[in-house]
C-alpha atoms as a PDB file:
ATOM      1  CA  MET A   1      97.504  42.851  80.814  1.00  0.00           C
ATOM      2  CA  ALA A   2      95.630  39.914  82.295  1.00  0.00           C
ATOM      3  CA  PRO A   3      97.433  37.880  84.989  1.00  0.00           C
ATOM      4  CA  ILE A   4      97.458  34.788  82.750  1.00  0.00           C
ATOM      5  CA  MET A   5      99.348  36.737  80.066  1.00  0.00           C
ATOM      6  CA  LYS A   6     101.909  37.914  82.637  1.00  0.00           C
ATOM      7  CA  THR A   7     102.393  34.309  83.766  1.00  0.00           C
ATOM      8  CA  THR A   8     102.833  33.212  80.161  1.00  0.00           C
ATOM      9  CA  ILE A   9     105.545  35.817  79.627  1.00  0.00           C
ATOM     10  CA  PHE A  10     107.579  34.688  82.620  1.00  0.00           C
ATOM     11  CA  LEU A  11     107.204  30.997  81.724  1.00  0.00           C
ATOM     12  CA  LEU A  12     108.396  31.850  78.228  1.00  0.00           C
ATOM     13  CA  ILE A  13     111.365  33.749  79.641  1.00  0.00           C
ATOM     14  CA  LEU A  14     112.332  30.824  81.833  1.00  0.00           C
ATOM     15  CA  SER A  15     112.026  28.392  78.931  1.00  0.00           C
ATOM     16  CA  VAL A  16     114.440  30.320  76.728  1.00  0.00           C
ATOM     17  CA  SER A  17     116.927  31.481  79.343  1.00  0.00           C
ATOM     18  CA  VAL A  18     119.557  29.013  78.151  1.00  0.00           C
ATOM     19  CA  HIS A  19     119.317  30.389  74.593  1.00  0.00           C
ATOM     20  CA  ALA A  20     119.596  34.130  75.291  1.00  0.00           C
ATOM     21  CA  GLN A  21     122.373  36.420  76.425  1.00  0.00           C
ATOM     22  CA  ASN A  22     122.220  37.659  79.997  1.00  0.00           C
ATOM     23  CA  LEU A  23     121.504  41.375  79.669  1.00  0.00           C
ATOM     24  CA  ASP A  24     122.194  41.993  83.361  1.00  0.00           C
ATOM     25  CA  GLN A  25     125.753  40.821  82.790  1.00  0.00           C
ATOM     26  CA  LEU A  26     126.185  42.798  79.549  1.00  0.00           C
ATOM     27  CA  ALA A  27     124.914  45.982  81.211  1.00  0.00           C
ATOM     28  CA  ARG A  28     127.189  45.480  84.210  1.00  0.00           C
ATOM     29  CA  GLU A  29     130.167  44.951  81.924  1.00  0.00           C
ATOM     30  CA  PHE A  30     129.324  48.166  80.062  1.00  0.00           C
ATOM     31  CA  LEU A  31     128.904  50.199  83.260  1.00  0.00           C
ATOM     32  CA  GLU A  32     132.155  48.863  84.656  1.00  0.00           C
ATOM     33  CA  THR A  33     134.033  50.413  81.726  1.00  0.00           C
ATOM     34  CA  LEU A  34     132.735  53.906  82.586  1.00  0.00           C
ATOM     35  CA  PRO A  35     134.430  56.389  84.917  1.00  0.00           C
ATOM     36  CA  GLU A  36     132.256  57.525  87.801  1.00  0.00           C
ATOM     37  CA  ALA A  37     131.312  60.887  86.257  1.00  0.00           C
ATOM     38  CA  MET A  38     130.152  59.273  83.010  1.00  0.00           C
ATOM     39  CA  LYS A  39     128.294  56.592  84.950  1.00  0.00           C
ATOM     40  CA  GLU A  40     126.330  59.303  86.744  1.00  0.00           C
ATOM     41  CA  GLU A  41     125.323  60.751  83.354  1.00  0.00           C
ATOM     42  CA  THR A  42     124.183  57.306  82.198  1.00  0.00           C
ATOM     43  CA  VAL A  43     122.176  55.834  85.087  1.00  0.00           C
ATOM     44  CA  TYR A  44     118.704  57.022  86.148  1.00  0.00           C
ATOM     45  CA  LEU A  45     116.192  55.655  88.617  1.00  0.00           C
ATOM     46  CA  LEU A  46     113.805  53.207  86.972  1.00  0.00           C
ATOM     47  CA  PRO A  47     110.682  55.392  87.517  1.00  0.00           C
ATOM     48  CA  ASP A  48     112.417  58.613  86.382  1.00  0.00           C
ATOM     49  CA  LYS A  49     110.231  60.641  84.006  1.00  0.00           C
ATOM     50  CA  GLU A  50     113.050  60.501  81.445  1.00  0.00           C
ATOM     51  CA  ARG A  51     112.334  56.765  81.146  1.00  0.00           C
ATOM     52  CA  GLU A  52     109.250  57.346  78.986  1.00  0.00           C
ATOM     53  CA  SER A  53     110.758  60.097  76.867  1.00  0.00           C
ATOM     54  CA  PHE A  54     111.779  59.025  73.383  1.00  0.00           C
ATOM     55  CA  ASN A  55     112.380  60.750  70.080  1.00  0.00           C
ATOM     56  CA  PHE A  56     113.863  60.087  66.674  1.00  0.00           C
ATOM     57  CA  VAL A  57     114.896  63.499  65.330  1.00  0.00           C
ATOM     58  CA  PRO A  58     118.278  65.262  65.671  1.00  0.00           C
ATOM     59  CA  MET A  59     118.237  66.939  69.086  1.00  0.00           C
ATOM     60  CA  SER A  60     120.141  67.302  72.339  1.00  0.00           C
ATOM     61  CA  ARG A  61     119.859  64.085  74.346  1.00  0.00           C
ATOM     62  CA  PRO A  62     120.764  62.946  77.856  1.00  0.00           C
ATOM     63  CA  GLY A  63     123.334  60.266  78.457  1.00  0.00           C
ATOM     64  CA  PRO A  64     126.800  59.880  76.946  1.00  0.00           C
ATOM     65  CA  SER A  65     127.155  59.204  73.223  1.00  0.00           C
ATOM     66  CA  PHE A  66     129.635  57.175  71.219  1.00  0.00           C
ATOM     67  CA  ASN A  67     131.587  60.401  70.761  1.00  0.00           C
ATOM     68  CA  ASP A  68     132.350  60.184  74.497  1.00  0.00           C
ATOM     69  CA  PHE A  69     133.336  56.516  74.577  1.00  0.00           C
ATOM     70  CA  THR A  70     136.740  54.878  74.328  1.00  0.00           C
ATOM     71  CA  GLU A  71     137.071  51.877  72.024  1.00  0.00           C
ATOM     72  CA  VAL A  72     136.594  49.544  74.987  1.00  0.00           C
ATOM     73  CA  GLN A  73     133.432  51.375  76.036  1.00  0.00           C
ATOM     74  CA  LYS A  74     132.090  51.316  72.469  1.00  0.00           C
ATOM     75  CA  GLU A  75     132.678  47.586  72.289  1.00  0.00           C
ATOM     76  CA  ALA A  76     130.812  47.022  75.562  1.00  0.00           C
ATOM     77  CA  ALA A  77     127.949  49.305  74.466  1.00  0.00           C
ATOM     78  CA  PHE A  78     127.552  47.463  71.171  1.00  0.00           C
ATOM     79  CA  ALA A  79     127.650  44.129  73.011  1.00  0.00           C
ATOM     80  CA  LEU A  80     124.657  45.289  75.084  1.00  0.00           C
ATOM     81  CA  LEU A  81     122.823  46.403  71.947  1.00  0.00           C
ATOM     82  CA  ARG A  82     123.588  43.149  70.149  1.00  0.00           C
ATOM     83  CA  GLY A  83     122.350  41.171  73.149  1.00  0.00           C
ATOM     84  CA  SER A  84     119.064  43.094  73.099  1.00  0.00           C
ATOM     85  CA  LEU A  85     118.388  42.474  69.397  1.00  0.00           C
ATOM     86  CA  SER A  86     118.592  39.651  66.892  1.00  0.00           C
ATOM     87  CA  GLU A  87     121.514  39.655  64.464  1.00  0.00           C
ATOM     88  CA  THR A  88     119.097  41.096  61.883  1.00  0.00           C
ATOM     89  CA  GLY A  89     118.160  43.941  64.208  1.00  0.00           C
ATOM     90  CA  PHE A  90     121.730  44.641  65.258  1.00  0.00           C
ATOM     91  CA  HIS A  91     122.913  44.781  61.647  1.00  0.00           C
ATOM     92  CA  GLN A  92     120.053  47.093  60.693  1.00  0.00           C
ATOM     93  CA  SER A  93     120.748  49.420  63.624  1.00  0.00           C
ATOM     94  CA  ARG A  94     124.361  49.768  62.506  1.00  0.00           C
ATOM     95  CA  GLU A  95     123.234  50.492  58.940  1.00  0.00           C
ATOM     96  CA  ILE A  96     120.936  53.274  60.163  1.00  0.00           C
ATOM     97  CA  MET A  97     123.786  54.828  62.126  1.00  0.00           C
ATOM     98  CA  GLN A  98     126.038  54.681  59.070  1.00  0.00           C
ATOM     99  CA  LEU A  99     123.426  56.534  56.990  1.00  0.00           C
ATOM    100  CA  GLU A 100     124.403  59.638  58.956  1.00  0.00           C
ATOM    101  CA  GLU A 101     127.614  59.630  56.912  1.00  0.00           C
ATOM    102  CA  VAL A 102     125.539  59.612  53.715  1.00  0.00           C
ATOM    103  CA  LEU A 103     123.474  62.558  54.970  1.00  0.00           C
ATOM    104  CA  TYR A 104     126.670  64.374  55.927  1.00  0.00           C
ATOM    105  CA  ARG A 105     127.761  64.280  52.272  1.00  0.00           C
ATOM    106  CA  LEU A 106     124.309  64.918  50.790  1.00  0.00           C
ATOM    107  CA  GLU A 107     123.781  67.950  53.025  1.00  0.00           C
ATOM    108  CA  ASN A 108     127.085  69.648  52.169  1.00  0.00           C
ATOM    109  CA  ASN A 109     129.031  68.381  55.179  1.00  0.00           C
ATOM    110  CA  ASN A 110     126.304  69.206  57.675  1.00  0.00           C
ATOM    111  CA  PRO A 111     128.026  68.971  61.091  1.00  0.00           C
ATOM    112  CA  GLY A 112     124.732  67.817  62.650  1.00  0.00           C
ATOM    113  CA  ARG A 113     125.047  64.475  60.880  1.00  0.00           C
ATOM    114  CA  ASP A 114     127.200  62.197  62.981  1.00  0.00           C
ATOM    115  CA  PRO A 115     127.170  58.370  63.069  1.00  0.00           C
ATOM    116  CA  LEU A 116     128.560  58.509  66.629  1.00  0.00           C
ATOM    117  CA  ASN A 117     125.811  60.756  68.005  1.00  0.00           C
ATOM    118  CA  TYR A 118     123.836  57.916  69.592  1.00  0.00           C
ATOM    119  CA  HIS A 119     123.224  57.995  73.329  1.00  0.00           C
ATOM    120  CA  ILE A 120     122.751  55.402  76.037  1.00  0.00           C
ATOM    121  CA  CYS A 121     120.718  55.719  79.234  1.00  0.00           C
ATOM    122  CA  ILE A 122     120.169  52.970  81.806  1.00  0.00           C
ATOM    123  CA  PHE A 123     117.151  53.080  84.101  1.00  0.00           C
ATOM    124  CA  GLY A 124     117.406  51.132  87.328  1.00  0.00           C
ATOM    125  CA  ASP A 125     120.175  48.869  88.587  1.00  0.00           C
ATOM    126  CA  PRO A 126     121.411  45.912  86.476  1.00  0.00           C
ATOM    127  CA  PHE A 127     123.334  44.745  89.557  1.00  0.00           C
ATOM    128  CA  SER A 128     120.163  44.249  91.613  1.00  0.00           C
ATOM    129  CA  GLY A 129     118.600  41.246  89.869  1.00  0.00           C
ATOM    130  CA  GLU A 130     115.377  43.272  89.653  1.00  0.00           C
ATOM    131  CA  TYR A 131     113.683  45.098  86.799  1.00  0.00           C
ATOM    132  CA  TRP A 132     115.709  47.663  84.879  1.00  0.00           C
ATOM    133  CA  GLY A 133     115.594  49.216  81.436  1.00  0.00           C
ATOM    134  CA  TRP A 134     117.771  50.963  78.936  1.00  0.00           C
ATOM    135  CA  ARG A 135     117.563  53.175  75.883  1.00  0.00           C
ATOM    136  CA  PHE A 136     119.664  53.449  72.746  1.00  0.00           C
ATOM    137  CA  GLU A 137     118.747  56.621  70.879  1.00  0.00           C
ATOM    138  CA  GLY A 138     119.836  59.016  68.146  1.00  0.00           C
ATOM    139  CA  HIS A 139     118.626  60.167  64.745  1.00  0.00           C
ATOM    140  CA  HIS A 140     116.236  57.575  63.306  1.00  0.00           C
ATOM    141  CA  LEU A 141     116.781  55.080  66.124  1.00  0.00           C
ATOM    142  CA  SER A 142     114.968  54.981  69.436  1.00  0.00           C
ATOM    143  CA  LEU A 143     115.136  51.553  71.050  1.00  0.00           C
ATOM    144  CA  ASN A 144     113.662  51.072  74.522  1.00  0.00           C
ATOM    145  CA  PHE A 145     114.157  47.876  76.482  1.00  0.00           C
ATOM    146  CA  THR A 146     112.894  46.518  79.814  1.00  0.00           C
ATOM    147  CA  THR A 147     114.468  43.474  81.453  1.00  0.00           C
ATOM    148  CA  LYS A 148     113.917  41.023  84.262  1.00  0.00           C
ATOM    149  CA  SER A 149     116.229  38.177  85.256  1.00  0.00           C
ATOM    150  CA  GLY A 150     118.625  39.094  82.460  1.00  0.00           C
ATOM    151  CA  LEU A 151     116.037  38.775  79.675  1.00  0.00           C
ATOM    152  CA  LEU A 152     113.823  41.221  77.837  1.00  0.00           C
ATOM    153  CA  ILE A 153     110.212  41.568  78.892  1.00  0.00           C
ATOM    154  CA  SER A 154     109.589  44.548  76.602  1.00  0.00           C
ATOM    155  CA  ALA A 155     111.344  45.929  73.512  1.00  0.00           C
ATOM    156  CA  PHE A 156     108.945  48.739  72.668  1.00  0.00           C
ATOM    157  CA  PRO A 157     108.410  51.503  71.771  1.00  0.00           C
ATOM    158  CA  ALA A 158     110.897  51.061  68.951  1.00  0.00           C
ATOM    159  CA  PHE A 159     111.484  53.560  66.170  1.00  0.00           C
ATOM    160  CA  TRP A 160     113.516  52.651  63.076  1.00  0.00           C
ATOM    161  CA  GLY A 161     114.017  55.179  60.274  1.00  0.00           C
ATOM    162  CA  SER A 162     115.990  55.448  57.065  1.00  0.00           C
ATOM    163  CA  ASN A 163     117.021  58.574  55.160  1.00  0.00           C
ATOM    164  CA  PRO A 164     117.687  58.089  52.335  1.00  0.00           C
ATOM    165  CA  ALA A 165     115.508  55.010  52.100  1.00  0.00           C
ATOM    166  CA  TYR A 166     117.333  54.078  48.897  1.00  0.00           C
ATOM    167  CA  VAL A 167     120.931  55.210  48.444  1.00  0.00           C
ATOM    168  CA  ARG A 168     121.924  55.309  44.790  1.00  0.00           C
ATOM    169  CA  GLU A 169     125.280  55.661  43.097  1.00  0.00           C
ATOM    170  CA  ASN A 170     125.446  56.056  39.313  1.00  0.00           C
ATOM    171  CA  GLY A 171     121.747  55.194  39.166  1.00  0.00           C
ATOM    172  CA  GLN A 172     122.189  51.914  41.042  1.00  0.00           C
ATOM    173  CA  ILE A 173     120.774  51.136  44.487  1.00  0.00           C
ATOM    174  CA  VAL A 174     123.674  50.439  46.841  1.00  0.00           C
ATOM    175  CA  THR A 175     121.874  50.596  50.210  1.00  0.00           C
ATOM    176  CA  ALA A 176     118.215  50.197  51.195  1.00  0.00           C
ATOM    177  CA  VAL A 177     118.007  49.718  54.951  1.00  0.00           C
ATOM    178  CA  LEU A 178     114.205  49.351  55.294  1.00  0.00           C
ATOM    179  CA  LYS A 179     113.656  47.860  51.843  1.00  0.00           C
ATOM    180  CA  ASP A 180     111.663  44.843  53.066  1.00  0.00           C
ATOM    181  CA  GLU A 181     109.260  46.986  55.091  1.00  0.00           C
ATOM    182  CA  THR A 182     108.600  49.079  51.974  1.00  0.00           C
ATOM    183  CA  GLU A 183     108.386  46.420  49.281  1.00  0.00           C
ATOM    184  CA  THR A 184     106.351  43.894  51.269  1.00  0.00           C
ATOM    185  CA  GLY A 185     103.875  46.629  52.229  1.00  0.00           C
ATOM    186  CA  PHE A 186     103.383  47.476  48.554  1.00  0.00           C
ATOM    187  CA  GLN A 187     103.094  43.790  47.714  1.00  0.00           C
ATOM    188  CA  LEU A 188     100.274  43.330  50.195  1.00  0.00           C
ATOM    189  CA  VAL A 189      98.238  46.417  49.295  1.00  0.00           C
ATOM    190  CA  ASN A 190      98.449  45.608  45.593  1.00  0.00           C
ATOM    191  CA  MET A 191      97.183  42.074  46.191  1.00  0.00           C
ATOM    192  CA  LEU A 192      93.880  43.442  47.503  1.00  0.00           C
ATOM    193  CA  SER A 193      90.814  43.332  45.276  1.00  0.00           C
ATOM    194  CA  ASP A 194      88.961  46.580  44.583  1.00  0.00           C
ATOM    195  CA  PRO A 195      86.329  45.872  47.279  1.00  0.00           C
ATOM    196  CA  GLN A 196      89.073  44.959  49.776  1.00  0.00           C
ATOM    197  CA  LEU A 197      91.085  48.066  48.876  1.00  0.00           C
ATOM    198  CA  ALA A 198      88.039  50.223  49.474  1.00  0.00           C
ATOM    199  CA  ILE A 199      88.049  48.935  53.075  1.00  0.00           C
ATOM    200  CA  ALA A 200      91.802  49.079  53.625  1.00  0.00           C
ATOM    201  CA  ARG A 201      92.659  52.422  52.004  1.00  0.00           C
ATOM    202  CA  PHE A 202      91.338  55.189  54.233  1.00  0.00           C
ATOM    203  CA  SER A 203      92.751  58.116  52.227  1.00  0.00           C
ATOM    204  CA  ASN A 204      94.270  58.860  48.824  1.00  0.00           C
ATOM    205  CA  ASN A 205      96.715  61.130  50.633  1.00  0.00           C
ATOM    206  CA  SER A 206      99.205  59.871  53.178  1.00  0.00           C
ATOM    207  CA  PRO A 207      99.678  61.451  56.603  1.00  0.00           C
ATOM    208  CA  ARG A 208     102.803  63.595  56.818  1.00  0.00           C
ATOM    209  CA  GLU A 209     104.209  61.422  59.592  1.00  0.00           C
ATOM    210  CA  ILE A 210     103.556  58.336  61.687  1.00  0.00           C
ATOM    211  CA  ILE A 211     100.441  59.297  63.612  1.00  0.00           C
ATOM    212  CA  THR A 212     101.591  58.286  67.089  1.00  0.00           C
ATOM    213  CA  GLY A 213     104.757  60.367  66.676  1.00  0.00           C
ATOM    214  CA  ALA A 214     106.729  60.340  69.921  1.00  0.00           C
ATOM    215  CA  ASP A 215     103.637  60.069  72.132  1.00  0.00           C
ATOM    216  CA  ARG A 216     104.450  58.550  75.482  1.00  0.00           C
ATOM    217  CA  VAL A 217     101.168  56.615  75.400  1.00  0.00           C
ATOM    218  CA  ALA A 218      99.968  55.224  72.060  1.00  0.00           C
ATOM    219  CA  LYS A 219      96.377  54.228  71.309  1.00  0.00           C
ATOM    220  CA  VAL A 220      94.503  52.164  68.723  1.00  0.00           C
ATOM    221  CA  LEU A 221      94.058  54.251  65.562  1.00  0.00           C
ATOM    222  CA  SER A 222      90.979  54.683  63.380  1.00  0.00           C
ATOM    223  CA  PRO A 223      89.883  53.778  60.806  1.00  0.00           C
ATOM    224  CA  LYS A 224      91.176  50.289  61.356  1.00  0.00           C
ATOM    225  CA  GLY A 225      91.184  49.083  57.729  1.00  0.00           C
ATOM    226  CA  ILE A 226      90.700  45.535  56.476  1.00  0.00           C
ATOM    227  CA  SER A 227      90.859  42.672  58.946  1.00  0.00           C
ATOM    228  CA  TYR A 228      93.109  39.649  58.632  1.00  0.00           C
ATOM    229  CA  GLY A 229      89.981  37.496  58.494  1.00  0.00           C
ATOM    230  CA  GLN A 230      88.796  39.364  55.380  1.00  0.00           C
ATOM    231  CA  MET A 231      91.945  38.412  53.472  1.00  0.00           C
ATOM    232  CA  ASP A 232      92.453  35.268  51.416  1.00  0.00           C
ATOM    233  CA  VAL A 233      95.208  32.781  52.258  1.00  0.00           C
ATOM    234  CA  ASP A 234      97.810  34.302  49.912  1.00  0.00           C
ATOM    235  CA  GLN A 235      97.187  37.771  51.317  1.00  0.00           C
ATOM    236  CA  GLN A 236      97.387  36.445  54.865  1.00  0.00           C
ATOM    237  CA  ASN A 237     100.750  34.853  54.073  1.00  0.00           C
ATOM    238  CA  VAL A 238     102.156  38.189  52.884  1.00  0.00           C
ATOM    239  CA  PHE A 239     100.641  39.923  55.926  1.00  0.00           C
ATOM    240  CA  ASP A 240     102.394  37.366  58.151  1.00  0.00           C
ATOM    241  CA  GLU A 241     105.649  38.000  56.301  1.00  0.00           C
ATOM    242  CA  LEU A 242     105.270  41.752  56.831  1.00  0.00           C
ATOM    243  CA  VAL A 243     104.702  41.318  60.567  1.00  0.00           C
ATOM    244  CA  SER A 244     107.704  38.984  60.757  1.00  0.00           C
ATOM    245  CA  ILE A 245     109.932  41.614  59.115  1.00  0.00           C
ATOM    246  CA  TYR A 246     109.256  43.987  62.006  1.00  0.00           C
ATOM    247  CA  LEU A 247     109.547  41.358  64.729  1.00  0.00           C
ATOM    248  CA  SER A 248     112.661  39.693  63.257  1.00  0.00           C
ATOM    249  CA  LYS A 249     114.781  42.478  64.758  1.00  0.00           C
ATOM    250  CA  TYR A 250     114.346  41.017  68.247  1.00  0.00           C
ATOM    251  CA  PRO A 251     115.363  37.783  69.998  1.00  0.00           C
ATOM    252  CA  GLU A 252     113.319  34.754  68.962  1.00  0.00           C
ATOM    253  CA  TYR A 253     111.511  34.431  72.283  1.00  0.00           C
ATOM    254  CA  LEU A 254     110.167  37.991  71.885  1.00  0.00           C
ATOM    255  CA  GLN A 255     109.207  37.386  68.257  1.00  0.00           C
ATOM    256  CA  THR A 256     107.036  34.477  69.393  1.00  0.00           C
ATOM    257  CA  GLU A 257     105.537  36.464  72.266  1.00  0.00           C
ATOM    258  CA  TYR A 258     104.629  39.513  70.170  1.00  0.00           C
ATOM    259  CA  LYS A 259     103.225  37.525  67.247  1.00  0.00           C
ATOM    260  CA  ALA A 260     100.958  35.673  69.677  1.00  0.00           C
ATOM    261  CA  LYS A 261      99.996  38.972  71.292  1.00  0.00           C
ATOM    262  CA  LEU A 262      98.979  40.518  67.962  1.00  0.00           C
ATOM    263  CA  PHE A 263      96.575  37.661  67.207  1.00  0.00           C
ATOM    264  CA  ARG A 264      95.528  37.038  70.809  1.00  0.00           C
ATOM    265  CA  ASP A 265      91.996  38.384  70.299  1.00  0.00           C
ATOM    266  CA  GLY A 266      91.339  36.613  66.994  1.00  0.00           C
ATOM    267  CA  ASN A 267      91.855  37.231  63.281  1.00  0.00           C
ATOM    268  CA  GLU A 268      88.921  39.602  63.052  1.00  0.00           C
ATOM    269  CA  ASN A 269      90.640  42.001  65.438  1.00  0.00           C
ATOM    270  CA  VAL A 270      93.897  42.341  63.469  1.00  0.00           C
ATOM    271  CA  PHE A 271      93.868  45.023  60.757  1.00  0.00           C
ATOM    272  CA  PHE A 272      95.830  46.471  57.841  1.00  0.00           C
ATOM    273  CA  ALA A 273      95.192  50.061  56.764  1.00  0.00           C
ATOM    274  CA  TRP A 274      96.754  52.083  53.926  1.00  0.00           C
ATOM    275  CA  ALA A 275      96.859  55.728  52.819  1.00  0.00           C
ATOM    276  CA  GLY A 276      98.426  57.467  49.843  1.00  0.00           C
ATOM    277  CA  SER A 277     100.060  56.167  46.689  1.00  0.00           C
ATOM    278  CA  LEU A 278      99.855  52.514  45.654  1.00  0.00           C
ATOM    279  CA  LYS A 279     103.197  52.790  43.859  1.00  0.00           C
ATOM    280  CA  PRO A 280     106.683  53.884  44.963  1.00  0.00           C
ATOM    281  CA  GLY A 281     107.774  57.442  44.325  1.00  0.00           C
ATOM    282  CA  ALA A 282     104.918  59.265  46.052  1.00  0.00           C
ATOM    283  CA  GLY A 283     103.882  59.522  49.699  1.00  0.00           C
ATOM    284  CA  HIS A 284     102.417  56.405  51.269  1.00  0.00           C
ATOM    285  CA  TYR A 285     101.594  55.105  54.730  1.00  0.00           C
ATOM    286  CA  TYR A 286     100.341  51.892  56.296  1.00  0.00           C
ATOM    287  CA  ARG A 287      99.684  50.423  59.706  1.00  0.00           C
ATOM    288  CA  ILE A 288      99.104  47.013  61.228  1.00  0.00           C
ATOM    289  CA  GLN A 289      97.264  46.836  64.513  1.00  0.00           C
ATOM    290  CA  GLY A 290      95.466  44.654  66.954  1.00  0.00           C
ATOM    291  CA  PRO A 291      94.044  45.670  70.333  1.00  0.00           C
ATOM    292  CA  SER A 292      97.480  45.363  71.935  1.00  0.00           C
ATOM    293  CA  LEU A 293     100.098  45.950  69.218  1.00  0.00           C
ATOM    294  CA  LEU A 294     100.559  48.718  66.625  1.00  0.00           C
ATOM    295  CA  ILE A 295     103.004  49.009  63.725  1.00  0.00           C
ATOM    296  CA  GLU A 296     103.189  52.223  61.692  1.00  0.00           C
ATOM    297  CA  TYR A 297     105.111  52.971  58.485  1.00  0.00           C
ATOM    298  CA  ALA A 298     105.313  56.365  56.730  1.00  0.00           C
ATOM    299  CA  ASN A 299     107.300  57.359  53.650  1.00  0.00           C
ATOM    300  CA  THR A 300     106.400  60.907  52.679  1.00  0.00           C
ATOM    301  CA  GLN A 301     109.478  63.126  52.948  1.00  0.00           C
ATOM    302  CA  ASN A 302     112.250  63.751  50.398  1.00  0.00           C
ATOM    303  CA  ASN A 303     110.124  62.621  47.438  1.00  0.00           C
ATOM    304  CA  ALA A 304     109.046  59.491  49.330  1.00  0.00           C
ATOM    305  CA  ASN A 305     112.619  58.377  49.941  1.00  0.00           C
ATOM    306  CA  HIS A 306     112.608  58.807  53.726  1.00  0.00           C
ATOM    307  CA  VAL A 307     111.056  56.038  55.829  1.00  0.00           C
ATOM    308  CA  HIS A 308     109.823  56.197  59.420  1.00  0.00           C
ATOM    309  CA  THR A 309     108.562  53.094  61.233  1.00  0.00           C
ATOM    310  CA  VAL A 310     107.493  52.471  64.810  1.00  0.00           C
ATOM    311  CA  VAL A 311     106.238  49.519  66.825  1.00  0.00           C
ATOM    312  CA  ARG A 312     104.165  50.224  69.931  1.00  0.00           C
ATOM    313  CA  ASP A 313     102.943  47.815  72.575  1.00  0.00           C
ATOM    314  CA  LEU A 314      99.598  49.364  73.473  1.00  0.00           C
ATOM    315  CA  GLU A 315      99.560  47.591  76.831  1.00  0.00           C
ATOM    316  CA  ASN A 316     103.194  47.381  77.823  1.00  0.00           C
ATOM    317  CA  ASP A 317     105.324  50.114  76.196  1.00  0.00           C
ATOM    318  CA  PHE A 318     108.379  50.753  78.398  1.00  0.00           C
ATOM    319  CA  GLY A 319     107.372  47.605  80.311  1.00  0.00           C
ATOM    320  CA  ARG A 320     104.677  49.804  81.826  1.00  0.00           C
ATOM    321  CA  ASP A 321     102.122  47.099  82.610  1.00  0.00           C
ATOM    322  CA  LEU A 322     104.560  44.596  84.073  1.00  0.00           C
ATOM    323  CA  LEU A 323     106.295  47.297  86.119  1.00  0.00           C
ATOM    324  CA  LYS A 324     103.039  48.576  87.594  1.00  0.00           C
ATOM    325  CA  ASP A 325     102.819  45.814  90.195  1.00  0.00           C
ATOM    326  CA  HIS A 326     106.516  46.171  90.981  1.00  0.00           C
ATOM    327  CA  PHE A 327     106.203  49.912  91.655  1.00  0.00           C
ATOM    328  CA  GLU A 328     103.108  49.405  93.797  1.00  0.00           C
ATOM    329  CA  GLN A 329     104.889  46.790  95.923  1.00  0.00           C
ATOM    330  CA  HIS A 330     107.989  48.986  96.362  1.00  0.00           C
END
């Protein structure tokens, strides 16, 4: 990231400090609820290799989970999560956790489905006033945050998934956690003219999964698709709405920063690409990307009722770019 962009980030952080929760304080309050043995399981050095490990499938994970926490510890952990997200994002994260109860019933009381099996790791020292990060992770949620001066400087990579995507009872939809990501994507692709669709749609078949998966380092994907500049005004408005759906999960100051970052290199360098079905009910995939930001969406499993989404900062995942200078100086 260019020095001017780094300066812009810190000026933005300073300008919003009175409007955001102090994450240093929330992390300290959480850690102070933990006994020493649990604290040792939770806290890693900031440059530990575990810092850049993330995943979104059921698996054994480091760090204590909500199964280990008392009610006081759960409350403090959720306060830290709420402070790291917008109310929209916090509510959606809780909905994703609660879907584990739905899967428990759908999969004949599968003991691997557990809405409390979400783990917390903290990287660095929230008491120091320096950089530190933290991770909230379990099935279909992997949220990675980096902070400085009590505010977020990075919220990516971030994985949000939903299975089932649509929960039905007696034929009626009762829950649809990532509904907006799905329906607005379909709205946009079906607004494209035939010549535009020929540019945007790179395959009649969708990939089986988000292409970046759990890669520690994500890269720009090809083909890029149709550019924002090749869309008409109505299409651009829906594109903007789709981007806002993904960014709305984070504090307002980060929404502004990441939207500006996506369009930093001009409209012609921001793209929308699609693969698979143009209608619900069959596998489909799309991505939004600029040189520095990538959003992927895939809905291919369980008869296209199982959504995976990820947002990657191609320059600063895990706060990597901003931490580089810090590590070199220390």
